[in-house]
N, C-alpha and C. Protein backbone atom coordinates (compact mmCIF):
# COMPACT_ATOMS: atom_id res chain seq x y z
N MET A 1 82.59 91.75 95.31
CA MET A 1 80.63 90.39 95.79
C MET A 1 79.57 91.50 95.76
N THR A 2 78.68 91.34 95.68
CA THR A 2 77.52 91.86 95.80
C THR A 2 77.29 93.00 96.57
N ASN A 3 76.83 93.93 96.85
CA ASN A 3 76.52 94.96 97.26
C ASN A 3 78.08 95.97 98.50
N LEU A 4 78.93 95.21 98.08
CA LEU A 4 79.88 95.33 98.87
C LEU A 4 80.97 96.00 97.79
N THR A 5 81.85 97.37 98.95
CA THR A 5 82.33 98.10 98.38
C THR A 5 83.45 98.19 99.32
N ILE A 6 85.08 97.68 98.97
CA ILE A 6 86.07 98.04 99.28
C ILE A 6 86.84 99.30 99.55
N ILE A 7 87.05 100.12 100.11
CA ILE A 7 87.67 101.47 100.26
C ILE A 7 89.38 101.12 100.29
N ASP A 8 89.39 101.70 99.13
CA ASP A 8 90.91 101.33 98.49
C ASP A 8 91.71 102.61 98.83
N HIS A 9 92.19 103.02 99.40
CA HIS A 9 93.35 103.97 100.02
C HIS A 9 94.04 103.79 100.79
N PRO A 10 95.71 104.34 100.33
CA PRO A 10 96.81 104.14 101.18
C PRO A 10 96.73 104.31 102.54
N LEU A 11 96.08 105.22 103.11
CA LEU A 11 96.26 105.64 104.27
C LEU A 11 94.94 104.67 104.97
N ILE A 12 94.13 103.63 104.44
CA ILE A 12 93.20 102.99 105.03
C ILE A 12 94.29 101.61 105.35
N LYS A 13 95.21 101.90 103.72
CA LYS A 13 95.71 100.38 104.21
C LYS A 13 97.19 100.25 105.40
N ARG A 14 97.17 101.85 105.55
CA ARG A 14 97.99 102.01 106.32
C ARG A 14 97.85 101.73 107.78
N ASP A 15 96.42 101.93 108.31
CA ASP A 15 95.94 102.23 109.52
C ASP A 15 95.10 100.44 109.80
N VAL A 16 95.02 99.90 108.91
CA VAL A 16 94.20 98.38 108.89
C VAL A 16 95.45 97.40 109.53
N ALA A 17 97.08 97.63 108.74
CA ALA A 17 98.39 97.48 109.42
C ALA A 17 98.52 97.51 111.46
N ILE A 18 98.20 98.56 111.42
CA ILE A 18 98.25 99.16 112.53
C ILE A 18 97.20 98.22 113.88
N LEU A 19 96.18 98.35 113.09
CA LEU A 19 94.93 97.70 113.56
C LEU A 19 94.97 95.86 114.40
N ARG A 20 95.62 95.27 112.86
CA ARG A 20 96.36 94.10 112.80
C ARG A 20 97.36 93.75 113.69
N ASP A 21 97.97 94.81 114.45
CA ASP A 21 99.11 94.25 115.38
C ASP A 21 98.86 93.95 116.50
N ALA A 22 99.06 92.96 117.19
CA ALA A 22 98.66 92.43 118.19
C ALA A 22 99.74 93.39 119.57
N THR A 23 100.72 93.99 119.27
CA THR A 23 101.16 94.41 119.75
C THR A 23 100.89 95.79 120.44
N ALA A 24 99.67 96.23 119.68
CA ALA A 24 99.34 97.43 119.61
C ALA A 24 98.53 97.58 121.33
N SER A 25 98.83 98.80 121.41
CA SER A 25 98.14 99.24 123.00
C SER A 25 96.87 99.71 122.81
N ASN A 26 95.89 99.54 123.48
CA ASN A 26 94.48 100.32 123.65
C ASN A 26 94.61 101.56 123.35
N HIS A 27 95.29 102.14 123.65
CA HIS A 27 95.60 103.78 123.22
C HIS A 27 95.62 103.51 121.54
N THR A 28 96.33 102.97 121.42
CA THR A 28 96.69 102.98 119.93
C THR A 28 95.42 102.61 118.61
N PHE A 29 94.78 101.58 119.35
CA PHE A 29 93.74 100.73 118.41
C PHE A 29 93.08 101.60 118.59
N ARG A 30 92.16 102.40 119.69
CA ARG A 30 90.97 103.14 120.06
C ARG A 30 91.57 104.54 118.68
N THR A 31 92.84 105.56 118.57
CA THR A 31 93.20 106.47 117.51
C THR A 31 92.96 106.54 116.17
N THR A 32 93.42 105.13 116.21
CA THR A 32 93.67 104.87 114.67
C THR A 32 92.41 104.03 114.26
N LEU A 33 91.52 103.75 115.27
CA LEU A 33 90.13 103.52 114.82
C LEU A 33 89.55 104.16 114.33
N ARG A 34 89.47 105.35 115.36
CA ARG A 34 88.80 107.04 114.76
C ARG A 34 89.10 107.64 113.27
N ARG A 35 90.28 107.46 113.32
CA ARG A 35 91.35 108.23 112.56
C ARG A 35 90.65 107.32 110.82
N ILE A 36 90.26 105.69 110.86
CA ILE A 36 90.47 105.19 109.98
C ILE A 36 89.16 105.30 109.74
N SER A 37 88.02 105.66 110.47
CA SER A 37 86.68 105.53 109.87
C SER A 37 86.51 107.07 110.04
N SER A 38 86.96 108.44 109.90
CA SER A 38 86.80 109.14 109.72
C SER A 38 86.89 109.12 107.76
N ILE A 39 87.99 108.32 107.73
CA ILE A 39 88.32 108.78 106.03
C ILE A 39 87.62 107.53 105.16
N MET A 40 87.31 106.04 105.98
CA MET A 40 85.79 105.71 105.64
C MET A 40 84.89 106.73 105.19
N ALA A 41 84.20 107.53 106.27
CA ALA A 41 82.90 108.19 105.81
C ALA A 41 83.09 109.16 105.00
N PHE A 42 83.77 109.20 104.54
CA PHE A 42 83.97 110.24 103.09
C PHE A 42 83.55 109.25 102.01
N THR A 43 83.85 108.10 102.13
CA THR A 43 83.57 107.17 100.42
C THR A 43 81.88 106.95 100.76
N VAL A 44 81.50 106.40 102.17
CA VAL A 44 80.12 106.02 102.96
C VAL A 44 79.68 106.50 102.21
N THR A 45 79.47 108.13 102.31
CA THR A 45 78.46 109.38 102.62
C THR A 45 79.22 110.09 100.85
N HIS A 46 79.58 109.64 99.76
CA HIS A 46 79.86 110.03 98.80
C HIS A 46 79.08 110.82 97.72
N ASP A 47 77.69 110.43 97.52
CA ASP A 47 76.91 110.51 96.92
C ASP A 47 75.52 111.19 97.60
N LEU A 48 75.78 112.15 99.24
CA LEU A 48 74.84 112.74 100.02
C LEU A 48 74.24 113.93 98.81
N ARG A 49 73.69 114.43 99.29
CA ARG A 49 72.29 115.60 98.45
C ARG A 49 72.94 116.79 98.90
N VAL A 50 73.08 118.07 98.62
CA VAL A 50 73.26 119.55 99.03
C VAL A 50 72.08 120.26 98.44
N ARG A 51 72.30 121.17 99.29
CA ARG A 51 70.99 122.47 98.85
C ARG A 51 72.16 123.25 98.98
N LYS A 52 71.91 124.48 98.30
CA LYS A 52 72.67 126.10 98.51
C LYS A 52 72.13 126.52 99.54
N THR A 53 72.81 127.35 99.72
CA THR A 53 72.59 128.49 100.70
C THR A 53 73.33 129.64 100.54
N ARG A 54 73.16 131.10 101.19
CA ARG A 54 73.99 132.08 101.24
C ARG A 54 74.81 132.20 102.04
N VAL A 55 76.46 132.46 101.58
CA VAL A 55 77.65 132.53 102.72
C VAL A 55 78.16 134.10 102.29
N ARG A 56 78.38 134.97 103.64
CA ARG A 56 78.73 136.09 103.68
C ARG A 56 80.42 135.79 104.18
N THR A 57 81.23 136.27 103.11
CA THR A 57 82.27 135.67 103.42
C THR A 57 83.32 136.87 103.69
N PRO A 58 84.56 137.58 104.23
CA PRO A 58 85.11 138.29 104.80
C PRO A 58 84.92 139.69 103.47
N LEU A 59 84.31 139.39 102.47
CA LEU A 59 84.59 140.56 101.71
C LEU A 59 83.38 140.40 101.32
N GLU A 60 82.19 139.30 100.67
CA GLU A 60 81.13 139.35 100.03
C GLU A 60 80.71 137.98 100.49
N GLU A 61 79.01 138.65 99.59
CA GLU A 61 77.99 137.04 99.69
C GLU A 61 78.60 136.29 98.50
N THR A 62 78.42 134.83 98.86
CA THR A 62 78.65 133.91 97.92
C THR A 62 77.68 132.78 97.82
N THR A 63 77.07 131.80 97.23
CA THR A 63 76.75 130.53 97.08
C THR A 63 77.55 129.57 97.82
N GLY A 64 77.33 128.83 98.97
CA GLY A 64 77.59 127.70 99.87
C GLY A 64 76.64 126.68 99.62
N TYR A 65 77.02 125.53 100.27
CA TYR A 65 76.21 124.46 100.37
C TYR A 65 75.82 123.47 101.81
N VAL A 66 74.57 123.16 101.96
CA VAL A 66 74.99 122.54 103.22
C VAL A 66 74.35 120.55 102.87
N LEU A 67 74.22 120.17 103.52
CA LEU A 67 73.50 118.37 103.25
C LEU A 67 71.72 119.07 103.30
N ALA A 68 72.18 118.39 102.41
CA ALA A 68 69.78 118.17 102.62
C ALA A 68 69.53 117.03 103.21
N ASP A 69 70.71 115.62 102.80
CA ASP A 69 70.10 114.70 104.01
C ASP A 69 70.01 114.72 105.04
N ASP A 70 69.24 114.14 106.00
CA ASP A 70 69.07 113.90 107.56
C ASP A 70 69.73 112.86 107.79
N ILE A 71 71.18 113.04 108.56
CA ILE A 71 71.66 111.45 109.10
C ILE A 71 71.75 111.28 109.98
N VAL A 72 71.42 109.68 110.01
CA VAL A 72 71.83 108.88 111.26
C VAL A 72 72.64 108.21 111.36
N ILE A 73 73.23 108.09 112.53
CA ILE A 73 74.95 107.22 112.80
C ILE A 73 74.07 106.50 113.68
N VAL A 74 74.12 104.63 113.44
CA VAL A 74 73.67 104.13 114.45
C VAL A 74 74.85 102.91 114.59
N PRO A 75 75.82 102.99 115.98
CA PRO A 75 76.88 102.07 116.09
C PRO A 75 76.01 100.40 116.94
N VAL A 76 76.81 99.60 116.33
CA VAL A 76 76.20 98.32 116.74
C VAL A 76 77.28 98.36 118.45
N LEU A 77 76.57 98.14 119.52
CA LEU A 77 77.48 98.36 121.03
C LEU A 77 77.88 96.77 121.12
N ARG A 78 79.37 96.85 121.45
CA ARG A 78 80.19 98.15 122.07
C ARG A 78 80.92 98.48 120.53
N ALA A 79 81.63 97.18 120.26
CA ALA A 79 82.84 97.51 119.43
C ALA A 79 82.72 98.95 117.70
N GLY A 80 81.09 99.01 117.93
CA GLY A 80 80.79 100.30 116.83
C GLY A 80 80.90 101.15 117.61
N LEU A 81 81.19 101.72 118.65
CA LEU A 81 81.38 103.04 119.40
C LEU A 81 82.67 103.94 119.24
N GLY A 82 83.83 102.38 118.83
CA GLY A 82 85.19 102.85 118.24
C GLY A 82 85.31 103.47 116.97
N LEU A 83 83.84 103.41 115.78
CA LEU A 83 83.65 104.01 114.74
C LEU A 83 82.90 105.11 114.62
N ILE A 84 82.69 105.42 115.79
CA ILE A 84 81.80 106.68 115.92
C ILE A 84 82.01 107.90 116.05
N ASP A 85 82.49 108.11 116.58
CA ASP A 85 83.57 109.70 116.38
C ASP A 85 84.22 110.21 115.40
N GLY A 86 84.61 109.19 114.70
CA GLY A 86 85.18 109.30 113.04
C GLY A 86 84.36 109.65 112.33
N PHE A 87 83.22 109.59 112.17
CA PHE A 87 81.99 109.41 111.23
C PHE A 87 81.91 110.77 111.87
N LEU A 88 81.63 111.29 113.57
CA LEU A 88 80.79 112.52 113.35
C LEU A 88 81.94 113.58 113.27
N ASP A 89 83.23 113.25 113.27
CA ASP A 89 83.98 114.56 112.95
C ASP A 89 84.21 114.94 111.47
N VAL A 90 83.54 114.23 110.63
CA VAL A 90 83.01 114.55 109.19
C VAL A 90 81.64 114.78 109.19
N LEU A 91 80.90 114.43 110.24
CA LEU A 91 79.53 114.79 109.69
C LEU A 91 79.11 114.91 111.27
N PRO A 92 79.46 116.24 111.54
CA PRO A 92 79.12 116.76 113.12
C PRO A 92 77.10 117.14 113.07
N GLU A 93 76.45 117.14 111.61
CA GLU A 93 75.07 117.49 111.81
C GLU A 93 74.37 116.09 112.37
N ALA A 94 74.89 114.79 111.99
CA ALA A 94 73.94 113.48 112.43
C ALA A 94 73.65 113.34 113.43
N ARG A 95 72.65 112.66 113.76
CA ARG A 95 71.65 112.30 115.34
C ARG A 95 72.61 110.81 115.62
N VAL A 96 72.25 110.39 116.43
CA VAL A 96 73.01 109.55 117.06
C VAL A 96 72.16 108.54 117.69
N GLY A 97 71.86 107.12 117.22
CA GLY A 97 70.80 106.33 117.49
C GLY A 97 72.00 104.95 118.14
N HIS A 98 71.36 103.65 118.94
CA HIS A 98 72.51 102.64 119.01
C HIS A 98 71.45 101.80 119.17
N VAL A 99 72.22 100.17 118.92
CA VAL A 99 71.48 99.30 118.96
C VAL A 99 72.33 97.98 119.96
N GLY A 100 71.87 97.75 120.86
CA GLY A 100 72.81 96.46 121.53
C GLY A 100 72.48 95.06 121.19
N LEU A 101 73.65 94.74 120.64
CA LEU A 101 73.90 93.39 119.97
C LEU A 101 75.29 92.35 120.98
N TYR A 102 74.98 90.94 121.43
CA TYR A 102 75.70 90.20 121.28
C TYR A 102 75.69 89.22 120.98
N ARG A 103 77.19 88.34 121.24
CA ARG A 103 76.91 87.10 119.88
C ARG A 103 76.74 85.77 120.31
N ASN A 104 76.01 85.08 120.58
CA ASN A 104 76.02 83.51 121.34
C ASN A 104 77.41 82.41 120.54
N GLU A 105 78.30 82.59 122.12
CA GLU A 105 79.45 81.95 121.61
C GLU A 105 79.02 80.30 121.44
N ARG A 106 77.79 80.18 121.39
CA ARG A 106 77.56 78.60 121.22
C ARG A 106 77.15 78.31 119.82
N THR A 107 76.06 79.49 119.68
CA THR A 107 75.41 79.32 118.46
C THR A 107 75.83 80.11 116.89
N LEU A 108 76.53 81.43 118.14
CA LEU A 108 77.23 82.73 116.86
C LEU A 108 75.92 83.10 116.59
N GLU A 109 74.97 83.28 116.95
CA GLU A 109 73.92 83.87 116.63
C GLU A 109 73.58 85.14 117.50
N PRO A 110 73.42 86.34 117.23
CA PRO A 110 72.79 87.49 117.75
C PRO A 110 71.63 87.57 118.76
N VAL A 111 71.72 88.21 119.99
CA VAL A 111 70.73 88.43 120.74
C VAL A 111 71.09 89.89 120.97
N ASP A 112 69.41 90.52 120.61
CA ASP A 112 69.61 92.11 121.32
C ASP A 112 68.99 91.98 122.68
N TYR A 113 69.46 93.33 123.22
CA TYR A 113 69.34 93.75 124.41
C TYR A 113 69.29 95.12 124.90
N TYR A 114 69.32 95.55 123.55
CA TYR A 114 69.38 97.37 123.75
C TYR A 114 68.79 97.88 122.36
N SER A 115 68.45 99.10 121.92
CA SER A 115 68.01 99.65 120.53
C SER A 115 67.22 101.15 121.07
N LYS A 116 67.78 102.01 120.45
CA LYS A 116 67.24 103.14 120.72
C LYS A 116 67.34 103.96 119.91
N PHE A 117 66.85 104.65 119.43
CA PHE A 117 66.90 105.49 117.83
C PHE A 117 65.89 106.54 117.61
N PRO A 118 66.60 107.52 116.91
CA PRO A 118 65.77 109.12 116.74
C PRO A 118 64.39 108.95 116.09
N GLN A 119 63.83 109.77 116.41
CA GLN A 119 62.68 109.65 115.24
C GLN A 119 62.72 110.42 114.07
N GLY A 120 61.84 109.59 113.50
CA GLY A 120 62.49 110.40 111.92
C GLY A 120 62.84 109.27 110.90
N LEU A 121 63.52 108.19 111.17
CA LEU A 121 64.27 107.14 110.44
C LEU A 121 64.05 107.08 108.91
N ALA A 122 62.64 107.11 108.78
CA ALA A 122 62.28 107.12 107.41
C ALA A 122 62.48 108.05 106.31
N LYS A 123 62.88 109.13 106.67
CA LYS A 123 62.72 110.86 105.98
C LYS A 123 64.51 110.36 106.71
N SER A 124 65.25 109.66 107.01
CA SER A 124 67.23 109.52 107.17
C SER A 124 68.21 109.12 106.65
N LEU A 125 69.07 109.15 105.90
CA LEU A 125 70.11 108.02 105.83
C LEU A 125 70.21 107.61 106.99
N VAL A 126 70.85 106.32 107.23
CA VAL A 126 70.89 105.69 108.05
C VAL A 126 72.64 105.20 108.38
N ILE A 127 73.62 105.15 108.59
CA ILE A 127 74.46 104.39 108.53
C ILE A 127 74.85 103.67 109.71
N LEU A 128 74.81 102.55 110.01
CA LEU A 128 75.26 101.29 110.45
C LEU A 128 76.45 101.54 110.61
N LEU A 129 77.17 101.25 111.90
CA LEU A 129 78.83 100.84 112.11
C LEU A 129 78.76 99.63 113.32
N ASP A 130 79.45 99.24 112.63
CA ASP A 130 80.30 97.79 113.31
C ASP A 130 81.64 97.37 112.84
N PRO A 131 82.87 97.28 113.61
CA PRO A 131 84.12 97.36 112.69
C PRO A 131 84.16 96.16 112.29
N MET A 132 83.39 94.82 112.77
CA MET A 132 83.43 93.21 111.85
C MET A 132 82.47 92.95 111.69
N LEU A 133 81.96 91.93 110.43
CA LEU A 133 81.50 92.04 109.67
C LEU A 133 81.78 90.32 109.61
N ALA A 134 81.07 89.75 110.61
CA ALA A 134 82.41 87.82 110.61
C ALA A 134 80.66 86.88 110.23
N THR A 135 80.12 86.44 110.75
CA THR A 135 79.02 85.80 110.35
C THR A 135 77.94 86.41 109.99
N GLY A 136 77.45 87.58 109.85
CA GLY A 136 76.80 88.92 108.88
C GLY A 136 75.72 88.63 109.73
N GLY A 137 75.23 87.73 111.24
CA GLY A 137 74.20 87.66 112.11
C GLY A 137 74.01 88.95 112.97
N SER A 138 74.97 89.40 113.14
CA SER A 138 74.25 90.94 114.21
C SER A 138 74.04 92.23 113.09
N ALA A 139 75.03 91.95 112.12
CA ALA A 139 74.74 93.48 110.86
C ALA A 139 73.06 92.62 110.27
N SER A 140 72.84 91.89 110.19
CA SER A 140 71.47 91.13 109.48
C SER A 140 70.43 91.65 110.59
N ALA A 141 70.44 91.20 111.74
CA ALA A 141 69.65 91.54 113.36
C ALA A 141 69.98 93.23 112.94
N ALA A 142 70.49 93.47 112.75
CA ALA A 142 70.40 95.29 113.03
C ALA A 142 69.92 95.78 112.25
N ILE A 143 70.09 95.26 111.13
CA ILE A 143 68.99 96.41 109.79
C ILE A 143 67.63 95.49 110.18
N THR A 144 67.37 94.83 110.47
CA THR A 144 66.38 94.56 110.62
C THR A 144 65.50 95.32 111.88
N PHE A 145 66.24 95.46 112.30
CA PHE A 145 65.69 96.12 113.73
C PHE A 145 65.34 97.76 113.28
N LEU A 146 66.52 98.24 112.39
CA LEU A 146 65.78 99.28 111.61
C LEU A 146 64.83 99.52 110.47
N LYS A 147 64.63 98.73 109.82
CA LYS A 147 63.44 98.66 109.25
C LYS A 147 62.30 98.44 109.98
N ARG A 148 61.99 97.52 110.82
CA ARG A 148 61.30 97.76 111.53
C ARG A 148 60.30 99.23 112.29
N ARG A 149 61.60 99.75 112.50
CA ARG A 149 61.45 101.39 113.09
C ARG A 149 61.16 102.31 111.84
N GLY A 150 60.85 102.12 110.84
CA GLY A 150 60.79 102.60 109.86
C GLY A 150 61.82 103.00 108.46
N ALA A 151 63.18 102.54 109.04
CA ALA A 151 64.33 103.25 108.02
C ALA A 151 64.34 102.66 106.59
N ARG A 152 64.68 103.24 106.00
CA ARG A 152 64.04 103.21 104.67
C ARG A 152 65.54 103.24 103.55
N ARG A 153 66.45 103.71 103.94
CA ARG A 153 67.48 103.93 103.29
C ARG A 153 68.70 103.76 103.78
N ILE A 154 69.64 102.34 103.96
CA ILE A 154 70.55 101.99 105.21
C ILE A 154 71.56 101.94 104.42
N ARG A 155 72.83 102.40 105.14
CA ARG A 155 74.08 101.93 104.83
C ARG A 155 74.66 101.20 105.85
N PHE A 156 75.78 100.07 105.08
CA PHE A 156 76.70 99.46 106.50
C PHE A 156 77.90 99.51 106.29
N ALA A 157 78.98 99.83 107.61
CA ALA A 157 80.06 100.18 107.29
C ALA A 157 80.81 99.50 107.91
N ALA A 158 81.87 98.51 107.75
CA ALA A 158 82.76 97.52 108.01
C ALA A 158 83.85 98.17 108.17
N LEU A 159 85.01 97.94 109.39
CA LEU A 159 86.64 97.57 108.98
C LEU A 159 86.67 96.40 108.23
N VAL A 160 86.84 95.29 109.24
CA VAL A 160 86.71 94.06 108.52
C VAL A 160 85.69 93.22 107.76
N ALA A 161 86.02 92.79 107.32
CA ALA A 161 84.63 91.59 106.48
C ALA A 161 84.86 90.42 106.09
N ALA A 162 84.01 89.29 106.43
CA ALA A 162 84.73 88.09 105.63
C ALA A 162 83.52 87.80 105.09
N PRO A 163 84.13 86.77 104.03
CA PRO A 163 83.18 86.59 102.80
C PRO A 163 81.61 85.64 102.82
N VAL A 164 81.76 85.05 104.41
CA VAL A 164 80.11 84.40 104.75
C VAL A 164 79.35 85.33 105.44
N GLY A 165 79.99 86.86 105.84
CA GLY A 165 78.85 87.73 106.26
C GLY A 165 78.72 88.65 105.15
N VAL A 166 79.31 88.94 103.98
CA VAL A 166 79.11 89.53 103.19
C VAL A 166 77.95 88.74 102.63
N LYS A 167 77.87 88.02 102.45
CA LYS A 167 76.61 87.04 101.58
C LYS A 167 75.64 86.83 102.49
N ARG A 168 75.85 86.85 103.49
CA ARG A 168 74.89 86.63 104.67
C ARG A 168 73.58 88.13 104.86
N VAL A 169 74.22 88.70 104.58
CA VAL A 169 73.23 90.44 104.07
C VAL A 169 73.42 90.44 103.18
N ALA A 170 73.98 90.20 102.12
CA ALA A 170 73.31 90.82 101.31
C ALA A 170 72.23 89.85 100.47
N ALA A 171 72.27 88.52 101.00
CA ALA A 171 71.17 87.83 100.96
C ALA A 171 69.82 88.56 101.69
N ASN A 172 69.91 88.95 103.36
CA ASN A 172 69.00 89.09 103.59
C ASN A 172 68.49 90.86 103.31
N HIS A 173 69.25 91.24 103.05
CA HIS A 173 69.24 92.71 102.69
C HIS A 173 69.80 93.12 101.52
N PRO A 174 69.06 92.68 100.57
CA PRO A 174 69.72 92.93 99.55
C PRO A 174 69.81 94.80 99.08
N ASP A 175 69.09 95.32 99.18
CA ASP A 175 68.94 96.61 99.50
C ASP A 175 70.17 97.71 100.51
N VAL A 176 70.93 97.28 100.92
CA VAL A 176 71.50 97.82 101.78
C VAL A 176 73.13 97.52 101.24
N PRO A 177 73.52 98.65 101.16
CA PRO A 177 74.78 98.80 100.39
C PRO A 177 76.07 98.37 101.66
N MET A 178 76.96 97.82 101.59
CA MET A 178 78.19 97.76 102.38
C MET A 178 79.88 98.44 101.78
N TYR A 179 80.14 99.05 102.93
CA TYR A 179 81.50 99.20 103.25
C TYR A 179 82.27 98.93 103.95
N ALA A 180 83.90 98.40 103.37
CA ALA A 180 84.79 97.97 104.50
C ALA A 180 86.08 98.46 104.10
N ALA A 181 86.36 98.53 105.19
CA ALA A 181 88.62 98.53 104.81
C ALA A 181 88.84 97.65 103.92
N VAL A 182 88.82 96.44 104.17
CA VAL A 182 89.46 95.34 103.54
C VAL A 182 88.16 94.26 103.56
N LEU A 183 88.18 92.78 102.91
CA LEU A 183 88.10 91.95 103.12
C LEU A 183 88.78 90.78 103.37
N ASP A 184 88.54 89.92 104.33
CA ASP A 184 89.81 88.80 104.89
C ASP A 184 89.10 87.89 104.40
N ARG A 185 89.81 86.60 104.17
CA ARG A 185 89.92 85.30 104.19
C ARG A 185 88.85 84.44 104.55
N LYS A 186 88.39 84.50 105.58
CA LYS A 186 87.43 83.29 106.09
C LYS A 186 87.10 83.65 107.67
N LEU A 187 86.20 82.93 108.28
CA LEU A 187 86.07 82.58 109.54
C LEU A 187 87.20 81.95 110.62
N ASN A 188 87.21 81.34 111.43
CA ASN A 188 87.46 80.25 112.14
C ASN A 188 87.00 79.05 112.53
N ASP A 189 86.75 78.48 113.26
CA ASP A 189 85.89 77.43 114.06
C ASP A 189 84.88 78.42 115.16
N ARG A 190 85.91 79.41 115.79
CA ARG A 190 85.13 80.21 116.78
C ARG A 190 84.32 81.54 116.33
N GLY A 191 84.47 81.94 114.85
CA GLY A 191 82.91 82.63 114.07
C GLY A 191 84.43 83.84 113.88
N TYR A 192 85.72 83.60 114.66
CA TYR A 192 86.55 84.92 114.53
C TYR A 192 87.31 85.62 112.79
N ILE A 193 87.77 86.12 112.30
CA ILE A 193 87.73 86.56 111.16
C ILE A 193 89.09 86.03 111.21
N LEU A 194 89.93 85.98 109.54
CA LEU A 194 91.19 85.55 109.29
C LEU A 194 91.66 86.25 108.81
N PRO A 195 92.44 87.20 108.77
CA PRO A 195 93.16 86.92 109.30
C PRO A 195 93.43 87.99 110.86
N GLY A 196 92.11 88.77 110.08
CA GLY A 196 91.69 89.64 111.30
C GLY A 196 92.19 90.74 112.01
N LEU A 197 91.48 90.67 113.19
CA LEU A 197 92.62 91.68 114.28
C LEU A 197 92.08 91.74 115.68
N GLY A 198 91.39 89.94 115.71
CA GLY A 198 90.65 89.88 117.27
C GLY A 198 89.43 90.41 117.36
N ASP A 199 88.85 90.31 118.70
CA ASP A 199 88.17 91.23 119.12
C ASP A 199 88.29 92.48 119.08
N ALA A 200 87.26 93.72 118.11
CA ALA A 200 87.61 94.88 118.21
C ALA A 200 86.77 95.44 119.70
N GLY A 201 86.06 94.39 120.35
CA GLY A 201 85.39 96.00 121.55
C GLY A 201 86.18 95.41 122.69
N ASP A 202 87.68 94.30 122.46
CA ASP A 202 88.04 94.47 123.77
C ASP A 202 89.30 95.19 123.24
N ARG A 203 89.88 95.03 122.03
CA ARG A 203 90.99 95.83 122.00
C ARG A 203 90.83 97.33 121.78
N LEU A 204 89.67 97.41 121.86
CA LEU A 204 89.06 98.90 121.78
C LEU A 204 89.02 99.57 123.49
N PHE A 205 88.61 98.63 124.22
CA PHE A 205 88.33 98.82 126.07
C PHE A 205 89.07 98.44 127.16
N GLY A 206 90.08 97.49 126.28
CA GLY A 206 90.86 97.14 127.56
C GLY A 206 90.31 95.99 127.92
N THR A 207 89.81 95.21 127.88
CA THR A 207 89.08 94.41 128.14
C THR A 207 89.42 92.35 127.74
N GLU A 208 90.26 92.82 127.05
CA GLU A 208 91.62 91.13 126.50
C GLU A 208 91.27 90.50 127.63
């Protein structure tokens, strides 16, 4: 689908199955989500720019590399917090912002309640994280918030995506690449992804 990259990797396939399992404990869900997000981070950042530096090994001096891109990771509260540690494991240089949204259960539209971003978004690569791309409303709203605060290079990473959400984000923000571990079938009448994995925030924090 437009702007969407499915991260096809055997370890991701395994971990998605673990996350889908309704009997998985909150601890298992958290640790698996962290692990799968670190694997996803390699694809999301596959084309980062680097610059040369000098490194002294125990034997001699040689050429090394450091990231040339300034990176800001922004989880969508609260479920996005489950992805952030895996990305930071791979990108310890990154700064972190937050955007808080909740879904109106009647209209299924996002309502914002909090946002805090580092300075210099215009010069940074911003990676927006949210485990579930369902209707696309929250993702689109979060991307809009980032753009209003100056972000110019944005990537969106989700664990599970639904076709309707992908289409909405692509229509509203055609300049934003999307990445997901899996593209599921559809939404149910409550706006949950099928087959999905339930409410990622509830399963992450034990508030089922």
